[in-house]
Amino acid sequence: MKTLAHLPLLLAFAAAPLLAAEAGFSAGLDTTVDATAGVRGGARRGETLHGLALGHAAWQQPATPTAPFSFQAYASVLSLVGHGPTERVLGDFLTASNIEGYPSTRLYSWWLEVGTSAWSLRTGALLADEEFAGTSAGGNFTNSAFGWPPFISANTVNTGPAFFAAALGARFEYHLNDSVTWRAGVYDGDTFDSPSGDATVNRHGWHYHLGGTQGWFAITEAAFTPANLPSRFKAGAWLHTGDFADVRRDAAGRPFADTRAAPRNHDGNYGAYAALEHTLSGKPGAAGNLETYVRAGLSPTDRNAIGWALDTGLACTGLLPGRPADVAALGLAHASFSRRYAAHARAIDPASPALDSETVVELAYRISLSERFKLQPDVQYIRHPGGSSAQRDALAVLLRLTGTF
């Protein structure tokens, strides 16, 4: 019966192309399929096949001289099928495929937005990873570390308001001028509504519970994008108001692995980040364009698994003659485990190798087959999958096919 409850929305998507003939309406379907082979190292060798379908519809009413406010409405349904390489093969920490999630069909992101040329306010079920902390060149990679960064996803509750579970909340954006933008968002503190990380609790995307012990997730960011310079800069900070257990010590300041006491409780969690993007040559999205970036963030080591993380990348459009829309990209991501978190893990299991970090080197080439279809071969070398030398360094080959309709 819960599946039948999706019927009205699915019918709306089916009818949306008819409405699209009217001004302001649009609809579409995006599909992605990943085939991955773990050819060495990791948890084991093997192959996986998984994918997603995202149906979305939107309506927009632009501002006019007689109506100074613009209005937008958006809704989407997400379906995830199959199991990805991190779960089945690699056992890595950073997640080799950024479309890997709990197999389900769910009401996904939906929102209403009002604004002017200077500001906008959006409310509904939102995805912070679509608006905060991202980089343009990072979008060319398949490893999750290049998207919603591990210095946020690993340190908040159930990865925060990001793929594959939207969160009730509100986002405000203000354009100070053509170069400076400030945005801030406040969201439900637990998109799963399950402190233990049980994705089945909110498997259909409409189990909404706010406040209480799960707290709130807030994030703010300022971006500087001067039109006459090749560099762009952004910096931000995030805060989670829930309770977070110390990763090493009890209330008396001693290792709770030894005392068997409860961990010390911390009131809230937080972190900060910054990113610098630079155009080395050409224009964004055009043949001959060469982009690079570096991004880093950190969080307190007493309550988080990841102390700091960094990723950097280089992307070139039109690298090969006769292929002006293809994109080649090379990236590196590194996540360093908190020393206190690693010390606790070592105390629990002294025989295991110590946790230290996980590093990913990714080489990708996105082939533009047509306006609708793209094919991306991808190779990832993962040092210390899972964060230690307990597993051999992994080599994974991924092939991604995307379609837009």
Protein backbone atom coordinates (compact mmCIF):
# COMPACT_ATOMS: atom_id res chain seq x y z
CA MET A 1 0.00 0.00 0.00
CA LYS A 2 2.91 2.33 0.66
CA THR A 3 4.06 1.83 -2.93
CA LEU A 4 0.59 2.74 -4.17
CA ALA A 5 0.84 5.97 -2.22
CA HIS A 6 3.47 7.11 -4.73
CA LEU A 7 0.92 6.79 -7.56
CA PRO A 8 -0.41 10.38 -7.52
CA LEU A 9 3.10 11.81 -7.77
CA LEU A 10 4.15 9.36 -10.49
CA LEU A 11 1.04 10.30 -12.44
CA ALA A 12 1.98 13.94 -12.02
CA PHE A 13 5.37 13.23 -13.63
CA ALA A 14 3.63 11.39 -16.46
CA ALA A 15 1.34 14.38 -17.07
CA ALA A 16 4.09 16.98 -16.67
CA PRO A 17 5.31 16.84 -20.30
CA LEU A 18 1.79 17.84 -21.36
CA LEU A 19 1.86 20.75 -18.96
CA ALA A 20 5.32 21.72 -20.15
CA ALA A 21 3.74 23.28 -23.20
CA GLU A 22 2.46 25.94 -20.83
CA ALA A 23 4.97 28.60 -19.79
CA GLY A 24 6.87 27.78 -16.61
CA PHE A 25 6.42 23.99 -16.48
CA SER A 26 9.17 21.46 -17.10
CA ALA A 27 9.75 17.79 -16.37
CA GLY A 28 12.42 15.19 -16.92
CA LEU A 29 13.92 11.83 -16.11
CA ASP A 30 17.60 11.27 -15.30
CA THR A 31 19.09 7.77 -15.22
CA THR A 32 22.52 6.51 -14.14
CA VAL A 33 23.91 2.97 -14.24
CA ASP A 34 27.27 1.97 -12.76
CA ALA A 35 29.08 -1.29 -13.52
CA THR A 36 32.11 -1.80 -11.29
CA ALA A 37 34.85 -4.40 -11.06
CA GLY A 38 37.14 -4.67 -8.06
CA VAL A 39 40.18 -6.10 -9.82
CA ARG A 40 42.51 -6.26 -6.81
CA GLY A 41 42.66 -5.61 -3.08
CA GLY A 42 39.81 -4.33 -0.95
CA ALA A 43 37.50 -6.73 0.86
CA ARG A 44 37.37 -9.08 -2.12
CA ARG A 45 37.44 -9.20 -5.90
CA GLY A 46 34.13 -9.04 -7.72
CA GLU A 47 31.68 -7.08 -9.84
CA THR A 48 28.61 -4.98 -9.04
CA LEU A 49 25.82 -3.37 -11.03
CA HIS A 50 23.57 -0.67 -9.59
CA GLY A 51 21.75 2.45 -10.73
CA LEU A 52 19.16 5.11 -10.17
CA ALA A 53 16.27 6.88 -11.85
CA LEU A 54 15.30 10.41 -10.86
CA GLY A 55 11.98 11.79 -12.06
CA HIS A 56 11.49 15.51 -11.53
CA ALA A 57 9.01 18.25 -12.33
CA ALA A 58 9.25 22.00 -11.82
CA TRP A 59 7.25 25.17 -12.24
CA GLN A 60 8.64 28.68 -12.44
CA GLN A 61 7.01 32.11 -12.46
CA PRO A 62 9.60 34.84 -13.12
CA ALA A 63 9.36 38.31 -11.65
CA THR A 64 7.73 41.04 -13.75
CA PRO A 65 7.52 44.84 -13.44
CA THR A 66 4.11 44.45 -11.81
CA ALA A 67 5.06 41.39 -9.71
CA PRO A 68 8.56 41.85 -8.28
CA PHE A 69 8.83 38.38 -6.74
CA SER A 70 9.68 35.19 -8.63
CA PHE A 71 8.25 31.83 -7.59
CA GLN A 72 9.46 28.26 -8.14
CA ALA A 73 8.16 24.82 -7.19
CA TYR A 74 9.99 21.51 -7.54
CA ALA A 75 9.35 17.85 -6.74
CA SER A 76 11.19 14.61 -7.48
CA VAL A 77 11.03 10.86 -6.98
CA LEU A 78 14.22 8.78 -6.64
CA SER A 79 14.53 5.05 -7.26
CA LEU A 80 17.75 3.20 -6.34
CA VAL A 81 18.36 -0.32 -7.63
CA GLY A 82 21.13 -2.79 -6.81
CA HIS A 83 24.10 -2.70 -4.46
CA GLY A 84 27.30 -0.76 -5.05
CA PRO A 85 30.99 -1.65 -4.89
CA THR A 86 31.67 -0.24 -1.42
CA GLU A 87 29.09 -2.52 0.18
CA ARG A 88 29.74 -5.63 -1.90
CA VAL A 89 33.40 -5.55 -2.96
CA LEU A 90 35.76 -2.79 -1.84
CA GLY A 91 34.95 -2.17 1.82
CA ASP A 92 36.28 1.37 1.44
CA PHE A 93 35.34 4.28 3.69
CA LEU A 94 34.88 7.12 1.19
CA THR A 95 32.42 5.26 -1.13
CA ALA A 96 33.65 4.63 -4.67
CA SER A 97 30.29 5.34 -6.34
CA ASN A 98 28.40 8.50 -5.45
CA ILE A 99 25.05 6.93 -6.43
CA GLU A 100 25.36 4.07 -3.93
CA GLY A 101 22.54 4.00 -1.39
CA TYR A 102 19.78 1.96 0.17
CA PRO A 103 17.75 0.31 -2.65
CA SER A 104 14.32 1.95 -2.49
CA THR A 105 11.82 4.16 -4.25
CA ARG A 106 11.18 7.38 -2.37
CA LEU A 107 9.68 10.82 -2.47
CA TYR A 108 12.89 12.77 -2.80
CA SER A 109 13.47 16.52 -2.84
CA TRP A 110 10.52 18.92 -3.00
CA TRP A 111 10.40 22.63 -2.26
CA LEU A 112 8.92 26.04 -2.86
CA GLU A 113 11.04 29.14 -3.48
CA VAL A 114 10.32 32.85 -3.52
CA GLY A 115 12.83 35.54 -4.38
CA THR A 116 14.03 38.57 -6.26
CA SER A 117 17.18 39.26 -8.26
CA ALA A 118 18.99 39.87 -4.96
CA TRP A 119 17.74 37.07 -2.68
CA SER A 120 15.77 33.83 -2.52
CA LEU A 121 14.20 31.71 0.21
CA ARG A 122 13.62 28.00 -0.36
CA THR A 123 11.68 25.69 2.00
CA GLY A 124 10.73 22.03 1.82
CA ALA A 125 12.66 18.75 1.67
CA LEU A 126 16.12 19.94 0.63
CA LEU A 127 19.57 18.60 -0.26
CA ALA A 128 22.42 20.66 1.17
CA ASP A 129 24.99 18.83 -0.97
CA GLU A 130 23.45 20.42 -4.09
CA GLU A 131 24.10 23.97 -2.85
CA PHE A 132 26.94 23.91 -0.30
CA ALA A 133 30.64 22.95 -0.31
CA GLY A 134 30.64 21.71 -3.91
CA THR A 135 33.14 22.42 -6.68
CA SER A 136 32.68 22.50 -10.45
CA ALA A 137 35.60 20.19 -11.33
CA GLY A 138 34.73 17.82 -8.48
CA GLY A 139 31.49 16.97 -10.27
CA ASN A 140 33.47 15.04 -12.90
CA PHE A 141 34.38 12.23 -10.47
CA THR A 142 32.36 9.25 -9.26
CA ASN A 143 33.93 8.81 -5.81
CA SER A 144 31.74 10.42 -3.14
CA ALA A 145 34.74 12.16 -1.56
CA PHE A 146 34.77 14.66 -4.43
CA GLY A 147 31.13 15.62 -3.85
CA TRP A 148 29.59 15.97 -0.37
CA PRO A 149 32.93 15.95 1.46
CA PRO A 150 33.88 13.43 4.17
CA PHE A 151 34.73 16.20 6.64
CA ILE A 152 30.95 16.75 6.75
CA SER A 153 29.36 13.46 5.69
CA ALA A 154 31.41 11.27 8.06
CA ASN A 155 31.05 13.60 11.04
CA THR A 156 27.36 14.39 11.12
CA VAL A 157 24.34 12.12 11.61
CA ASN A 158 23.68 9.72 8.70
CA THR A 159 25.73 11.89 6.30
CA GLY A 160 23.51 14.97 6.80
CA PRO A 161 20.98 16.43 4.31
CA ALA A 162 22.48 14.87 1.19
CA PHE A 163 22.06 12.04 -1.29
CA PHE A 164 20.06 9.83 -0.89
CA ALA A 165 17.71 11.29 1.78
CA ALA A 166 16.47 14.89 1.67
CA ALA A 167 15.80 16.83 4.88
CA LEU A 168 13.05 19.22 5.88
CA GLY A 169 14.53 22.69 6.14
CA ALA A 170 15.00 26.15 4.72
CA ARG A 171 17.75 27.84 2.73
CA PHE A 172 18.31 31.58 2.30
CA GLU A 173 20.59 33.02 -0.40
CA TYR A 174 21.65 36.62 -0.86
CA HIS A 175 23.65 38.16 -3.72
CA LEU A 176 25.57 41.10 -2.32
CA ASN A 177 26.71 41.94 -5.86
CA ASP A 178 27.72 40.11 -9.04
CA SER A 179 30.78 38.64 -7.30
CA VAL A 180 29.72 37.88 -3.72
CA THR A 181 27.02 35.42 -2.64
CA TRP A 182 26.09 34.34 0.87
CA ARG A 183 23.82 31.43 1.67
CA ALA A 184 22.70 29.65 4.83
CA GLY A 185 20.52 26.64 5.54
CA VAL A 186 18.90 24.93 8.52
CA TYR A 187 17.77 21.30 8.21
CA ASP A 188 16.41 18.32 10.07
CA GLY A 189 19.29 16.81 12.06
CA ASP A 190 18.64 13.18 11.04
CA THR A 191 17.29 12.43 7.57
CA PHE A 192 16.98 8.71 8.42
CA ASP A 193 15.14 9.43 11.71
CA SER A 194 17.30 6.62 13.10
CA PRO A 195 20.37 7.27 15.28
CA SER A 196 21.57 3.73 14.53
CA GLY A 197 21.58 4.45 10.78
CA ASP A 198 18.68 2.18 9.85
CA ALA A 199 17.70 3.41 6.37
CA THR A 200 14.46 1.40 6.40
CA VAL A 201 12.83 3.77 8.90
CA ASN A 202 12.53 6.45 6.22
CA ARG A 203 12.68 4.13 3.22
CA HIS A 204 9.93 5.98 1.28
CA GLY A 205 11.09 9.53 2.08
CA TRP A 206 8.09 10.77 4.04
CA HIS A 207 8.90 9.79 7.62
CA TYR A 208 9.31 13.33 8.97
CA HIS A 209 10.38 13.90 12.56
CA LEU A 210 11.91 17.19 13.69
CA GLY A 211 13.81 18.38 16.73
CA GLY A 212 14.23 16.34 19.88
CA THR A 213 17.48 14.51 20.47
CA GLN A 214 18.35 14.44 16.74
CA GLY A 215 18.88 18.21 16.77
CA TRP A 216 19.34 20.44 13.74
CA PHE A 217 21.98 20.74 11.04
CA ALA A 218 22.95 24.28 10.00
CA ILE A 219 25.45 25.37 7.36
CA THR A 220 26.55 28.74 5.99
CA GLU A 221 28.82 29.67 3.10
CA ALA A 222 30.21 32.75 1.39
CA ALA A 223 31.35 32.57 -2.23
CA PHE A 224 33.51 35.06 -4.11
CA THR A 225 33.33 34.69 -7.90
CA PRO A 226 34.76 37.80 -9.59
CA ALA A 227 33.83 37.98 -13.28
CA ASN A 228 37.18 39.46 -14.32
CA LEU A 229 39.39 36.92 -12.52
CA PRO A 230 40.01 33.21 -13.23
CA SER A 231 39.77 32.19 -9.57
CA ARG A 232 36.73 31.51 -7.36
CA PHE A 233 36.80 31.10 -3.60
CA LYS A 234 34.30 29.85 -1.05
CA ALA A 235 34.43 29.27 2.68
CA GLY A 236 31.86 27.90 5.07
CA ALA A 237 31.07 26.38 8.44
CA TRP A 238 28.52 23.89 9.75
CA LEU A 239 26.94 23.12 13.11
CA HIS A 240 24.92 20.18 14.39
CA THR A 241 22.98 20.81 17.60
CA GLY A 242 22.49 17.16 18.59
CA ASP A 243 24.44 15.19 21.17
CA PHE A 244 27.72 13.57 20.08
CA ALA A 245 29.64 10.96 22.04
CA ASP A 246 33.36 11.35 22.62
CA VAL A 247 35.30 8.92 20.44
CA ARG A 248 37.88 8.11 23.13
CA ARG A 249 37.17 9.29 26.69
CA ASP A 250 34.51 9.03 29.37
CA ALA A 251 33.18 11.81 31.61
CA ALA A 252 36.23 11.50 33.87
CA GLY A 253 38.61 11.95 30.94
CA ARG A 254 39.79 8.33 30.83
CA PRO A 255 39.60 5.93 27.85
CA PHE A 256 36.17 4.30 28.06
CA ALA A 257 37.58 1.22 26.31
CA ASP A 258 39.40 0.60 29.61
CA THR A 259 36.88 1.87 32.17
CA ARG A 260 33.79 0.43 30.40
CA ALA A 261 31.99 3.67 31.36
CA ALA A 262 29.77 5.62 28.99
CA PRO A 263 31.53 8.01 26.59
CA ARG A 264 31.62 11.68 27.48
CA ASN A 265 28.75 13.56 25.87
CA HIS A 266 29.42 16.64 23.74
CA ASP A 267 26.72 19.22 23.18
CA GLY A 268 26.83 19.67 19.42
CA ASN A 269 29.34 19.25 16.63
CA TYR A 270 30.86 21.62 14.09
CA GLY A 271 33.41 22.10 11.34
CA ALA A 272 34.78 24.53 8.76
CA TYR A 273 35.92 24.31 5.16
CA ALA A 274 37.29 26.30 2.23
CA ALA A 275 37.69 25.73 -1.51
CA LEU A 276 39.65 27.48 -4.24
CA GLU A 277 38.83 26.92 -7.92
CA HIS A 278 40.91 28.26 -10.79
CA THR A 279 40.46 28.35 -14.57
CA LEU A 280 43.84 27.73 -16.13
CA SER A 281 42.64 28.32 -19.69
CA GLY A 282 39.49 28.66 -21.78
CA LYS A 283 35.87 29.21 -20.79
CA PRO A 284 33.86 26.92 -18.47
CA GLY A 285 32.13 24.15 -20.41
CA ALA A 286 33.82 24.98 -23.71
CA ALA A 287 36.50 23.06 -25.59
CA GLY A 288 39.97 23.97 -24.39
CA ASN A 289 38.80 24.68 -20.85
CA LEU A 290 41.17 23.57 -18.10
CA GLU A 291 39.99 23.76 -14.47
CA THR A 292 41.66 22.93 -11.19
CA TYR A 293 40.61 23.16 -7.56
CA VAL A 294 41.57 22.33 -4.00
CA ARG A 295 39.17 21.93 -1.05
CA ALA A 296 39.78 21.12 2.61
CA GLY A 297 37.86 20.94 5.87
CA LEU A 298 38.34 19.96 9.50
CA SER A 299 36.35 19.12 12.64
CA PRO A 300 37.07 18.55 16.35
CA THR A 301 39.00 15.31 16.89
CA ASP A 302 37.33 14.45 20.19
CA ARG A 303 33.90 13.64 18.71
CA ASN A 304 34.52 12.80 15.06
CA ALA A 305 35.86 9.93 12.97
CA ILE A 306 37.51 12.24 10.42
CA GLY A 307 39.80 14.95 11.77
CA TRP A 308 40.45 16.56 8.39
CA ALA A 309 40.08 15.82 4.70
CA LEU A 310 41.30 17.31 1.45
CA ASP A 311 40.56 16.78 -2.22
CA THR A 312 41.97 18.30 -5.37
CA GLY A 313 41.45 17.78 -9.07
CA LEU A 314 42.14 18.80 -12.63
CA ALA A 315 39.55 18.67 -15.44
CA CYS A 316 40.04 19.33 -19.13
CA THR A 317 37.23 19.75 -21.70
CA GLY A 318 37.91 18.80 -25.31
CA LEU A 319 41.26 17.16 -24.63
CA LEU A 320 41.13 14.97 -27.75
CA PRO A 321 40.78 16.33 -31.30
CA GLY A 322 37.25 15.99 -32.63
CA ARG A 323 35.80 15.48 -29.11
CA PRO A 324 34.97 19.05 -27.96
CA ALA A 325 32.41 18.02 -25.30
CA ASP A 326 34.36 15.18 -23.66
CA VAL A 327 35.89 15.79 -20.22
CA ALA A 328 39.06 14.18 -18.83
CA ALA A 329 39.67 14.48 -15.08
CA LEU A 330 42.31 13.45 -12.56
CA GLY A 331 41.64 13.79 -8.84
CA LEU A 332 43.03 12.94 -5.41
CA ALA A 333 41.06 12.74 -2.15
CA HIS A 334 42.48 12.11 1.30
CA ALA A 335 40.63 11.63 4.59
CA SER A 336 42.61 11.46 7.84
CA PHE A 337 41.07 9.68 10.81
CA SER A 338 41.02 11.42 14.16
CA ARG A 339 43.89 10.21 16.36
CA ARG A 340 41.51 9.74 19.27
CA TYR A 341 39.11 7.71 17.14
CA ALA A 342 42.03 5.59 15.91
CA ALA A 343 43.34 5.13 19.47
CA HIS A 344 39.95 3.83 20.63
CA ALA A 345 39.76 1.39 17.70
CA ARG A 346 43.26 0.14 18.55
CA ALA A 347 42.30 -0.33 22.21
CA ILE A 348 39.28 -2.43 21.21
CA ASP A 349 41.30 -4.59 18.80
CA PRO A 350 45.06 -4.32 19.46
CA ALA A 351 45.84 -7.00 16.90
CA SER A 352 44.43 -5.03 13.99
CA PRO A 353 46.45 -2.44 12.04
CA ALA A 354 45.96 1.08 13.32
CA LEU A 355 43.48 3.37 11.55
CA ASP A 356 45.22 6.24 9.83
CA SER A 357 43.68 7.44 6.56
CA GLU A 358 42.16 6.54 3.22
CA THR A 359 43.40 8.04 -0.05
CA VAL A 360 41.79 7.83 -3.49
CA VAL A 361 43.35 8.62 -6.86
CA GLU A 362 40.73 8.73 -9.62
CA LEU A 363 41.12 9.02 -13.37
CA ALA A 364 37.92 9.60 -15.37
CA TYR A 365 36.99 10.32 -18.97
CA ARG A 366 33.39 11.34 -19.77
CA ILE A 367 32.41 10.67 -23.39
CA SER A 368 29.54 12.68 -24.81
CA LEU A 369 27.69 10.15 -26.96
CA SER A 370 24.85 12.56 -27.73
CA GLU A 371 22.92 15.35 -26.08
CA ARG A 372 21.11 12.75 -23.95
CA PHE A 373 23.71 10.06 -23.25
CA LYS A 374 27.18 10.08 -21.71
CA LEU A 375 29.56 7.21 -21.01
CA GLN A 376 32.30 7.50 -18.40
CA PRO A 377 35.12 4.97 -17.94
CA ASP A 378 36.72 5.45 -14.54
CA VAL A 379 39.66 3.98 -12.63
CA GLN A 380 40.19 4.38 -8.88
CA TYR A 381 43.21 3.41 -6.82
CA ILE A 382 42.31 3.30 -3.12
CA ARG A 383 45.09 3.26 -0.54
CA HIS A 384 44.10 1.77 2.82
CA PRO A 385 40.44 0.98 1.97
CA GLY A 386 38.52 1.21 5.22
CA GLY A 387 41.19 3.45 6.73
CA SER A 388 44.03 1.04 7.53
CA SER A 389 46.36 -1.56 6.03
CA ALA A 390 44.05 -4.37 7.19
CA GLN A 391 42.92 -4.67 3.58
CA ARG A 392 45.18 -4.54 0.54
CA ASP A 393 45.16 -1.35 -1.49
CA ALA A 394 42.31 -1.62 -3.98
CA LEU A 395 42.05 -1.05 -7.71
CA ALA A 396 38.55 -0.59 -9.12
CA VAL A 397 37.34 -0.03 -12.67
CA LEU A 398 33.95 1.61 -13.11
CA LEU A 399 31.84 2.28 -16.20
CA ARG A 400 29.00 4.81 -15.86
CA LEU A 401 26.21 5.42 -18.37
CA THR A 402 23.93 8.42 -17.85
CA GLY A 403 20.81 9.40 -19.74
CA THR A 404 18.75 12.61 -19.59
CA PHE A 405 15.21 12.71 -20.95
